[in-house]
């Protein structure tokens, strides 16, 4: 059964609905839907890097609001190589660039 967004559905509600409809169309079970978010570990976290996590969490909540179970998977890309020393960190870290 497809659910349609009516009234004041937000863009997050529309994305959640399209994900559910896609899964139904291709015949996947809807036991739970995974939503993933990642953060690179190089540099300091900032409001821009937080955006991906906030959007993913919003989509996960919207899926739940449509009556389906959703799991948010958050990961850190800790294998992201250090290419330069972020401002504010000590210069001795230069010894670790490329390692």
PDB file of N, CA and C in Angstrom:
ATOM      1  N   UNK A   1       0.843  -1.175   0.000  1.00  0.00           N
ATOM      2  CA  UNK A   1       0.000   0.000   0.000  1.00  0.00           C
ATOM      3  C   UNK A   1       0.887   1.237   0.000  1.00  0.00           C
ATOM      4  N   UNK A   2       0.733   2.092  -0.989  1.00  0.00           N
ATOM      5  CA  UNK A   2       1.504   3.321  -1.054  1.00  0.00           C
ATOM      6  C   UNK A   2       0.827   4.407  -0.240  1.00  0.00           C
ATOM      7  N   UNK A   3       1.644   5.169   0.475  1.00  0.00           N
ATOM      8  CA  UNK A   3       1.128   6.297   1.249  1.00  0.00           C
ATOM      9  C   UNK A   3       1.478   7.571   0.498  1.00  0.00           C
ATOM     10  N   UNK A   4       0.534   8.461   0.388  1.00  0.00           N
ATOM     11  CA  UNK A   4       0.765   9.732  -0.279  1.00  0.00           C
ATOM     12  C   UNK A   4       0.894  10.834   0.757  1.00  0.00           C
ATOM     13  N   UNK A   5       1.825  11.740   0.534  1.00  0.00           N
ATOM     14  CA  UNK A   5       1.979  12.905   1.398  1.00  0.00           C
ATOM     15  C   UNK A   5       0.958  13.942   0.959  1.00  0.00           C
ATOM     16  N   UNK A   6       0.123  14.369   1.879  1.00  0.00           N
ATOM     17  CA  UNK A   6      -0.865  15.399   1.569  1.00  0.00           C
ATOM     18  C   UNK A   6      -0.729  16.535   2.573  1.00  0.00           C
ATOM     19  N   UNK A   7      -1.302  17.656   2.256  1.00  0.00           N
ATOM     20  CA  UNK A   7      -1.269  18.770   3.202  1.00  0.00           C
ATOM     21  C   UNK A   7       0.093  19.412   3.262  1.00  0.00           C
ATOM     22  N   UNK A   8       0.614  19.544   4.462  1.00  0.00           N
ATOM     23  CA  UNK A   8       1.858  20.279   4.673  1.00  0.00           C
ATOM     24  C   UNK A   8       3.057  19.351   4.852  1.00  0.00           C
ATOM     25  N   UNK A   9       3.214  18.395   4.002  1.00  0.00           N
ATOM     26  CA  UNK A   9       4.366  17.502   4.084  1.00  0.00           C
ATOM     27  C   UNK A   9       5.645  18.262   3.785  1.00  0.00           C
ATOM     28  N   UNK A  10       6.656  18.075   4.615  1.00  0.00           N
ATOM     29  CA  UNK A  10       7.936  18.736   4.400  1.00  0.00           C
ATOM     30  C   UNK A  10       8.754  17.954   3.378  1.00  0.00           C
ATOM     31  N   UNK A  11       9.866  18.523   2.964  1.00  0.00           N
ATOM     32  CA  UNK A  11      10.721  17.820   2.009  1.00  0.00           C
ATOM     33  C   UNK A  11      11.239  16.526   2.616  1.00  0.00           C
ATOM     34  N   UNK A  12      11.437  16.493   3.932  1.00  0.00           N
ATOM     35  CA  UNK A  12      11.889  15.257   4.582  1.00  0.00           C
ATOM     36  C   UNK A  12      10.794  14.197   4.519  1.00  0.00           C
ATOM     37  N   UNK A  13       9.536  14.604   4.721  1.00  0.00           N
ATOM     38  CA  UNK A  13       8.413  13.667   4.604  1.00  0.00           C
ATOM     39  C   UNK A  13       8.323  13.111   3.188  1.00  0.00           C
ATOM     40  N   UNK A  14       8.544  13.968   2.206  1.00  0.00           N
ATOM     41  CA  UNK A  14       8.469  13.531   0.805  1.00  0.00           C
ATOM     42  C   UNK A  14       9.585  12.545   0.476  1.00  0.00           C
ATOM     43  N   UNK A  15      10.783  12.794   0.988  1.00  0.00           N
ATOM     44  CA  UNK A  15      11.888  11.854   0.768  1.00  0.00           C
ATOM     45  C   UNK A  15      11.578  10.513   1.431  1.00  0.00           C
ATOM     46  N   UNK A  16      11.103  10.545   2.672  1.00  0.00           N
ATOM     47  CA  UNK A  16      10.763   9.305   3.379  1.00  0.00           C
ATOM     48  C   UNK A  16       9.703   8.522   2.614  1.00  0.00           C
ATOM     49  N   UNK A  17       8.700   9.222   2.113  1.00  0.00           N
ATOM     50  CA  UNK A  17       7.640   8.566   1.346  1.00  0.00           C
ATOM     51  C   UNK A  17       8.187   7.952   0.059  1.00  0.00           C
ATOM     52  N   UNK A  18       9.083   8.665  -0.616  1.00  0.00           N
ATOM     53  CA  UNK A  18       9.635   8.123  -1.862  1.00  0.00           C
ATOM     54  C   UNK A  18      10.515   6.900  -1.588  1.00  0.00           C
ATOM     55  N   UNK A  19      11.214   6.892  -0.467  1.00  0.00           N
ATOM     56  CA  UNK A  19      12.023   5.723  -0.094  1.00  0.00           C
ATOM     57  C   UNK A  19      11.120   4.518   0.153  1.00  0.00           C
ATOM     58  N   UNK A  20      10.055   4.723   0.902  1.00  0.00           N
ATOM     59  CA  UNK A  20       9.114   3.633   1.192  1.00  0.00           C
ATOM     60  C   UNK A  20       8.483   3.115  -0.099  1.00  0.00           C
ATOM     61  N   UNK A  21       8.034   4.027  -0.955  1.00  0.00           N
ATOM     62  CA  UNK A  21       7.419   3.612  -2.221  1.00  0.00           C
ATOM     63  C   UNK A  21       8.406   2.866  -3.111  1.00  0.00           C
ATOM     64  N   UNK A  22       9.665   3.307  -3.137  1.00  0.00           N
ATOM     65  CA  UNK A  22      10.685   2.612  -3.925  1.00  0.00           C
ATOM     66  C   UNK A  22      10.879   1.191  -3.421  1.00  0.00           C
ATOM     67  N   UNK A  23      10.968   1.031  -2.108  1.00  0.00           N
ATOM     68  CA  UNK A  23      11.165  -0.300  -1.531  1.00  0.00           C
ATOM     69  C   UNK A  23       9.975  -1.214  -1.823  1.00  0.00           C
ATOM     70  N   UNK A  24       8.772  -0.662  -1.777  1.00  0.00           N
ATOM     71  CA  UNK A  24       7.570  -1.436  -2.117  1.00  0.00           C
ATOM     72  C   UNK A  24       7.607  -1.839  -3.586  1.00  0.00           C
ATOM     73  N   UNK A  25       7.948  -0.895  -4.458  1.00  0.00           N
ATOM     74  CA  UNK A  25       7.972  -1.156  -5.904  1.00  0.00           C
ATOM     75  C   UNK A  25       8.959  -2.256  -6.285  1.00  0.00           C
ATOM     76  N   UNK A  26      10.098  -2.325  -5.606  1.00  0.00           N
ATOM     77  CA  UNK A  26      11.078  -3.352  -5.965  1.00  0.00           C
ATOM     78  C   UNK A  26      10.928  -4.626  -5.134  1.00  0.00           C
ATOM     79  N   UNK A  27       9.921  -4.651  -4.271  1.00  0.00           N
ATOM     80  CA  UNK A  27       9.583  -5.869  -3.545  1.00  0.00           C
ATOM     81  C   UNK A  27      10.459  -6.190  -2.351  1.00  0.00           C
ATOM     82  N   UNK A  28      11.123  -5.211  -1.815  1.00  0.00           N
ATOM     83  CA  UNK A  28      11.944  -5.457  -0.632  1.00  0.00           C
ATOM     84  C   UNK A  28      11.064  -5.487   0.615  1.00  0.00           C
ATOM     85  N   UNK A  29      11.445  -6.308   1.595  1.00  0.00           N
ATOM     86  CA  UNK A  29      10.681  -6.321   2.849  1.00  0.00           C
ATOM     87  C   UNK A  29      10.883  -5.004   3.600  1.00  0.00           C
ATOM     88  N   UNK A  30       9.865  -4.587   4.317  1.00  0.00           N
ATOM     89  CA  UNK A  30       9.916  -3.328   5.051  1.00  0.00           C
ATOM     90  C   UNK A  30      10.014  -3.562   6.556  1.00  0.00           C
ATOM     91  N   UNK A  31      10.742  -4.619   6.948  1.00  0.00           N
ATOM     92  CA  UNK A  31      10.909  -4.900   8.378  1.00  0.00           C
ATOM     93  C   UNK A  31      11.518  -3.684   9.069  1.00  0.00           C
ATOM     94  N   UNK A  32      12.573  -3.142   8.481  1.00  0.00           N
ATOM     95  CA  UNK A  32      13.108  -1.853   8.922  1.00  0.00           C
ATOM     96  C   UNK A  32      13.890  -1.241   7.770  1.00  0.00           C
ATOM     97  N   UNK A  33      14.001   0.060   7.797  1.00  0.00           N
ATOM     98  CA  UNK A  33      14.740   0.783   6.772  1.00  0.00           C
ATOM     99  C   UNK A  33      15.947   1.442   7.429  1.00  0.00           C
ATOM    100  N   UNK A  34      17.115   1.222   6.860  1.00  0.00           N
ATOM    101  CA  UNK A  34      18.337   1.824   7.391  1.00  0.00           C
ATOM    102  C   UNK A  34      18.571   3.180   6.750  1.00  0.00           C
ATOM    103  N   UNK A  35      18.925   4.146   7.576  1.00  0.00           N
ATOM    104  CA  UNK A  35      19.332   5.465   7.107  1.00  0.00           C
ATOM    105  C   UNK A  35      20.743   5.672   7.640  1.00  0.00           C
ATOM    106  N   UNK A  36      21.680   6.045   6.754  1.00  0.00           N
ATOM    107  CA  UNK A  36      23.077   6.149   7.156  1.00  0.00           C
ATOM    108  C   UNK A  36      23.570   7.586   7.107  1.00  0.00           C
ATOM    109  N   UNK A  37      24.510   7.886   7.994  1.00  0.00           N
ATOM    110  CA  UNK A  37      25.149   9.194   8.039  1.00  0.00           C
ATOM    111  C   UNK A  37      26.604   8.999   8.423  1.00  0.00           C
ATOM    112  N   UNK A  38      27.484   9.764   7.797  1.00  0.00           N
ATOM    113  CA  UNK A  38      28.900   9.634   8.107  1.00  0.00           C
ATOM    114  C   UNK A  38      29.570  10.973   8.330  1.00  0.00           C
ATOM    115  N   UNK A  39      30.665  10.927   9.044  1.00  0.00           N
ATOM    116  CA  UNK A  39      31.439  12.125   9.347  1.00  0.00           C
ATOM    117  C   UNK A  39      32.910  11.788   9.194  1.00  0.00           C
ATOM    118  N   UNK A  40      33.620  12.589   8.403  1.00  0.00           N
ATOM    119  CA  UNK A  40      35.061  12.418   8.274  1.00  0.00           C
ATOM    120  C   UNK A  40      35.746  12.930   9.527  1.00  0.00           C
ATOM    121  N   UNK A  41      36.803  12.268   9.913  1.00  0.00           N
ATOM    122  CA  UNK A  41      37.471  12.625  11.162  1.00  0.00           C
ATOM    123  C   UNK A  41      38.566  13.673  10.978  1.00  0.00           C
ATOM    124  N   UNK A  42      38.862  14.060   9.735  1.00  0.00           N
ATOM    125  CA  UNK A  42      39.918  15.052   9.541  1.00  0.00           C
ATOM    126  C   UNK A  42      39.347  16.450   9.758  1.00  0.00           C
ATOM    127  N   UNK A  43      39.977  17.200  10.600  1.00  0.00           N
ATOM    128  CA  UNK A  43      39.516  18.553  10.909  1.00  0.00           C
ATOM    129  C   UNK A  43      38.520  18.555  12.047  1.00  0.00           C
ATOM    130  N   UNK A  44      38.162  19.747  12.456  1.00  0.00           N
ATOM    131  CA  UNK A  44      37.210  19.905  13.551  1.00  0.00           C
ATOM    132  C   UNK A  44      35.780  19.758  13.043  1.00  0.00           C
ATOM    133  N   UNK A  45      34.915  19.109  13.807  1.00  0.00           N
ATOM    134  CA  UNK A  45      33.498  19.098  13.433  1.00  0.00           C
ATOM    135  C   UNK A  45      32.957  20.531  13.443  1.00  0.00           C
ATOM    136  N   UNK A  46      32.049  20.821  12.520  1.00  0.00           N
ATOM    137  CA  UNK A  46      31.467  22.158  12.433  1.00  0.00           C
ATOM    138  C   UNK A  46      30.019  22.027  11.984  1.00  0.00           C
ATOM    139  N   UNK A  47      29.315  23.141  11.905  1.00  0.00           N
ATOM    140  CA  UNK A  47      27.885  23.105  11.585  1.00  0.00           C
ATOM    141  C   UNK A  47      27.625  22.457  10.223  1.00  0.00           C
ATOM    142  N   UNK A  48      28.546  22.641   9.278  1.00  0.00           N
ATOM    143  CA  UNK A  48      28.381  22.016   7.965  1.00  0.00           C
ATOM    144  C   UNK A  48      28.468  20.505   8.025  1.00  0.00           C
ATOM    145  N   UNK A  49      29.403  19.995   8.817  1.00  0.00           N
ATOM    146  CA  UNK A  49      29.537  18.540   8.917  1.00  0.00           C
ATOM    147  C   UNK A  49      28.408  17.931   9.740  1.00  0.00           C
ATOM    148  N   UNK A  50      27.776  18.729  10.567  1.00  0.00           N
ATOM    149  CA  UNK A  50      26.633  18.259  11.346  1.00  0.00           C
ATOM    150  C   UNK A  50      25.392  18.085  10.466  1.00  0.00           C
ATOM    151  N   UNK A  51      25.344  18.831   9.362  1.00  0.00           N
ATOM    152  CA  UNK A  51      24.163  18.819   8.502  1.00  0.00           C
ATOM    153  C   UNK A  51      23.766  17.440   8.013  1.00  0.00           C
ATOM    154  N   UNK A  52      24.738  16.625   7.600  1.00  0.00           N
ATOM    155  CA  UNK A  52      24.429  15.286   7.102  1.00  0.00           C
ATOM    156  C   UNK A  52      23.753  14.447   8.177  1.00  0.00           C
ATOM    157  N   UNK A  53      24.270  14.525   9.397  1.00  0.00           N
ATOM    158  CA  UNK A  53      23.683  13.752  10.496  1.00  0.00           C
ATOM    159  C   UNK A  53      22.270  14.227  10.815  1.00  0.00           C
ATOM    160  N   UNK A  54      22.055  15.534  10.796  1.00  0.00           N
ATOM    161  CA  UNK A  54      20.727  16.083  11.102  1.00  0.00           C
ATOM    162  C   UNK A  54      19.720  15.678  10.034  1.00  0.00           C
ATOM    163  N   UNK A  55      20.111  15.776   8.757  1.00  0.00           N
ATOM    164  CA  UNK A  55      19.194  15.377   7.674  1.00  0.00           C
ATOM    165  C   UNK A  55      18.863  13.889   7.750  1.00  0.00           C
ATOM    166  N   UNK A  56      19.882  13.052   7.984  1.00  0.00           N
ATOM    167  CA  UNK A  56      19.640  11.609   8.082  1.00  0.00           C
ATOM    168  C   UNK A  56      18.713  11.285   9.250  1.00  0.00           C
ATOM    169  N   UNK A  57      18.926  11.943  10.380  1.00  0.00           N
ATOM    170  CA  UNK A  57      18.062  11.724  11.542  1.00  0.00           C
ATOM    171  C   UNK A  57      16.630  12.151  11.225  1.00  0.00           C
ATOM    172  N   UNK A  58      16.471  13.264  10.524  1.00  0.00           N
ATOM    173  CA  UNK A  58      15.137  13.732  10.141  1.00  0.00           C
ATOM    174  C   UNK A  58      14.423  12.743   9.236  1.00  0.00           C
ATOM    175  N   UNK A  59      15.143  12.179   8.269  1.00  0.00           N
ATOM    176  CA  UNK A  59      14.542  11.185   7.371  1.00  0.00           C
ATOM    177  C   UNK A  59      14.151   9.939   8.160  1.00  0.00           C
ATOM    178  N   UNK A  60      15.006   9.519   9.092  1.00  0.00           N
ATOM    179  CA  UNK A  60      14.687   8.356   9.920  1.00  0.00           C
ATOM    180  C   UNK A  60      13.415   8.595  10.735  1.00  0.00           C
ATOM    181  N   UNK A  61      13.286   9.790  11.323  1.00  0.00           N
ATOM    182  CA  UNK A  61      12.069  10.124  12.076  1.00  0.00           C
ATOM    183  C   UNK A  61      10.846  10.162  11.171  1.00  0.00           C
ATOM    184  N   UNK A  62      10.989  10.704   9.970  1.00  0.00           N
ATOM    185  CA  UNK A  62       9.855  10.778   9.045  1.00  0.00           C
ATOM    186  C   UNK A  62       9.392   9.383   8.639  1.00  0.00           C
ATOM    187  N   UNK A  63      10.329   8.467   8.434  1.00  0.00           N
ATOM    188  CA  UNK A  63       9.964   7.081   8.111  1.00  0.00           C
ATOM    189  C   UNK A  63       9.169   6.476   9.266  1.00  0.00           C
ATOM    190  N   UNK A  64       9.610   6.728  10.492  1.00  0.00           N
ATOM    191  CA  UNK A  64       8.882   6.227  11.664  1.00  0.00           C
ATOM    192  C   UNK A  64       7.496   6.852  11.756  1.00  0.00           C
ATOM    193  N   UNK A  65       7.391   8.140  11.433  1.00  0.00           N
ATOM    194  CA  UNK A  65       6.087   8.813  11.467  1.00  0.00           C
ATOM    195  C   UNK A  65       5.122   8.252  10.434  1.00  0.00           C
ATOM    196  N   UNK A  66       5.656   7.626   9.384  1.00  0.00           N
ATOM    197  CA  UNK A  66       4.803   6.992   8.378  1.00  0.00           C
ATOM    198  C   UNK A  66       4.450   5.553   8.759  1.00  0.00           C
ATOM    199  N   UNK A  67       4.893   5.115   9.938  1.00  0.00           N
ATOM    200  CA  UNK A  67       4.491   3.807  10.443  1.00  0.00           C
ATOM    201  C   UNK A  67       5.464   2.676  10.181  1.00  0.00           C
ATOM    202  N   UNK A  68       6.690   2.987   9.781  1.00  0.00           N
ATOM    203  CA  UNK A  68       7.690   1.957   9.498  1.00  0.00           C
ATOM    204  C   UNK A  68       8.844   2.092  10.485  1.00  0.00           C
ATOM    205  N   UNK A  69       9.517   0.978  10.744  1.00  0.00           N
ATOM    206  CA  UNK A  69      10.671   1.010  11.635  1.00  0.00           C
ATOM    207  C   UNK A  69      11.883   1.499  10.853  1.00  0.00           C
ATOM    208  N   UNK A  70      12.649   2.361  11.467  1.00  0.00           N
ATOM    209  CA  UNK A  70      13.837   2.912  10.827  1.00  0.00           C
ATOM    210  C   UNK A  70      14.987   2.899  11.815  1.00  0.00           C
ATOM    211  N   UNK A  71      16.154   2.557  11.316  1.00  0.00           N
ATOM    212  CA  UNK A  71      17.354   2.555  12.151  1.00  0.00           C
ATOM    213  C   UNK A  71      18.366   3.520  11.547  1.00  0.00           C
ATOM    214  N   UNK A  72      18.891   4.412  12.384  1.00  0.00           N
ATOM    215  CA  UNK A  72      19.915   5.353  11.949  1.00  0.00           C
ATOM    216  C   UNK A  72      21.283   4.747  12.230  1.00  0.00           C
ATOM    217  N   UNK A  73      22.097   4.644  11.191  1.00  0.00           N
ATOM    218  CA  UNK A  73      23.455   4.129  11.324  1.00  0.00           C
ATOM    219  C   UNK A  73      24.403   5.306  11.138  1.00  0.00           C
ATOM    220  N   UNK A  74      25.136   5.636  12.186  1.00  0.00           N
ATOM    221  CA  UNK A  74      26.103   6.734  12.131  1.00  0.00           C
ATOM    222  C   UNK A  74      27.507   6.144  12.190  1.00  0.00           C
ATOM    223  N   UNK A  75      28.375   6.631  11.338  1.00  0.00           N
ATOM    224  CA  UNK A  75      29.738   6.115  11.328  1.00  0.00           C
ATOM    225  C   UNK A  75      30.733   7.261  11.169  1.00  0.00           C
ATOM    226  N   UNK A  76      31.949   6.993  11.561  1.00  0.00           N
ATOM    227  CA  UNK A  76      33.038   7.953  11.405  1.00  0.00           C
ATOM    228  C   UNK A  76      34.064   7.364  10.452  1.00  0.00           C
ATOM    229  N   UNK A  77      34.411   8.122   9.434  1.00  0.00           N
ATOM    230  CA  UNK A  77      35.419   7.685   8.476  1.00  0.00           C
ATOM    231  C   UNK A  77      36.795   7.966   9.074  1.00  0.00           C
ATOM    232  N   UNK A  78      37.233   7.106   9.980  1.00  0.00           N
ATOM    233  CA  UNK A  78      38.493   7.348  10.672  1.00  0.00           C
ATOM    234  C   UNK A  78      39.708   6.905   9.864  1.00  0.00           C
ATOM    235  N   UNK A  79      39.486   6.417   8.651  1.00  0.00           N
ATOM    236  CA  UNK A  79      40.603   6.088   7.769  1.00  0.00           C
ATOM    237  C   UNK A  79      40.894   7.228   6.796  1.00  0.00           C
ATOM    238  N   UNK A  80      40.225   8.336   6.985  1.00  0.00           N
ATOM    239  CA  UNK A  80      40.447   9.521   6.165  1.00  0.00           C
ATOM    240  C   UNK A  80      41.849  10.047   6.468  1.00  0.00           C
ATOM    241  N   UNK A  81      42.727  10.013   5.478  1.00  0.00           N
ATOM    242  CA  UNK A  81      44.118  10.415   5.692  1.00  0.00           C
ATOM    243  C   UNK A  81      44.269  11.894   6.035  1.00  0.00           C
ATOM    244  N   UNK A  82      45.210  12.193   6.890  1.00  0.00           N
ATOM    245  CA  UNK A  82      45.503  13.573   7.266  1.00  0.00           C
ATOM    246  C   UNK A  82      46.329  14.201   6.148  1.00  0.00           C
ATOM    247  N   UNK A  83      45.768  15.216   5.460  1.00  0.00           N
ATOM    248  CA  UNK A  83      46.441  15.869   4.343  1.00  0.00           C
ATOM    249  C   UNK A  83      47.112  17.177   4.743  1.00  0.00           C
ATOM    250  N   UNK A  84      46.582  17.832   5.734  1.00  0.00           N
ATOM    251  CA  UNK A  84      47.185  19.063   6.250  1.00  0.00           C
ATOM    252  C   UNK A  84      46.768  19.214   7.705  1.00  0.00           C
ATOM    253  N   UNK A  85      47.487  20.034   8.408  1.00  0.00           N
ATOM    254  CA  UNK A  85      47.190  20.262   9.818  1.00  0.00           C
ATOM    255  C   UNK A  85      46.097  21.323   9.911  1.00  0.00           C
ATOM    256  N   UNK A  86      44.945  20.990  10.488  1.00  0.00           N
ATOM    257  CA  UNK A  86      43.888  21.993  10.642  1.00  0.00           C
ATOM    258  C   UNK A  86      44.365  23.148  11.519  1.00  0.00           C
ATOM    259  N   UNK A  87      43.897  24.348  11.220  1.00  0.00           N
ATOM    260  CA  UNK A  87      44.304  25.510  12.010  1.00  0.00           C
ATOM    261  C   UNK A  87      43.915  25.302  13.470  1.00  0.00           C
ATOM    262  N   UNK A  88      44.792  25.761  14.334  1.00  0.00           N
ATOM    263  CA  UNK A  88      44.541  25.633  15.762  1.00  0.00           C
ATOM    264  C   UNK A  88      45.156  24.398  16.389  1.00  0.00           C
ATOM    265  N   UNK A  89      45.670  23.487  15.562  1.00  0.00           N
ATOM    266  CA  UNK A  89      46.321  22.291  16.096  1.00  0.00           C
ATOM    267  C   UNK A  89      47.835  22.477  16.050  1.00  0.00           C
ATOM    268  N   UNK A  90      48.570  21.793  16.923  1.00  0.00           N
ATOM    269  CA  UNK A  90      50.020  21.985  16.999  1.00  0.00           C
ATOM    270  C   UNK A  90      50.750  21.520  15.732  1.00  0.00           C
ATOM    271  N   UNK A  91      51.818  22.238  15.408  1.00  0.00           N
ATOM    272  CA  UNK A  91      52.599  21.949  14.199  1.00  0.00           C
ATOM    273  C   UNK A  91      53.297  20.590  14.247  1.00  0.00           C
ATOM    274  N   UNK A  92      53.543  20.042  15.438  1.00  0.00           N
ATOM    275  CA  UNK A  92      54.236  18.759  15.506  1.00  0.00           C
ATOM    276  C   UNK A  92      53.431  17.646  14.842  1.00  0.00           C
ATOM    277  N   UNK A  93      52.158  17.891  14.592  1.00  0.00           N
ATOM    278  CA  UNK A  93      51.327  16.886  13.914  1.00  0.00           C
ATOM    279  C   UNK A  93      51.738  16.692  12.455  1.00  0.00           C
ATOM    280  N   UNK A  94      52.560  17.618  11.916  1.00  0.00           N
ATOM    281  CA  UNK A  94      53.012  17.504  10.534  1.00  0.00           C
ATOM    282  C   UNK A  94      53.731  16.169  10.301  1.00  0.00           C
ATOM    283  N   UNK A  95      54.315  15.606  11.347  1.00  0.00           N
ATOM    284  CA  UNK A  95      55.002  14.313  11.230  1.00  0.00           C
ATOM    285  C   UNK A  95      54.049  13.175  10.864  1.00  0.00           C
ATOM    286  N   UNK A  96      52.749  13.384  11.025  1.00  0.00           N
ATOM    287  CA  UNK A  96      51.771  12.325  10.792  1.00  0.00           C
ATOM    288  C   UNK A  96      51.026  12.475   9.471  1.00  0.00           C
ATOM    289  N   UNK A  97      51.351  13.488   8.688  1.00  0.00           N
ATOM    290  CA  UNK A  97      50.679  13.669   7.397  1.00  0.00           C
ATOM    291  C   UNK A  97      51.017  12.488   6.489  1.00  0.00           C
ATOM    292  N   UNK A  98      49.990  11.923   5.871  1.00  0.00           N
ATOM    293  CA  UNK A  98      50.164  10.811   4.947  1.00  0.00           C
ATOM    294  C   UNK A  98      50.324   9.456   5.600  1.00  0.00           C
ATOM    295  N   UNK A  99      50.147   9.388   6.888  1.00  0.00           N
ATOM    296  CA  UNK A  99      50.319   8.098   7.583  1.00  0.00           C
ATOM    297  C   UNK A  99      48.999   7.583   8.095  1.00  0.00           C
TER     298      UNK A  99
END
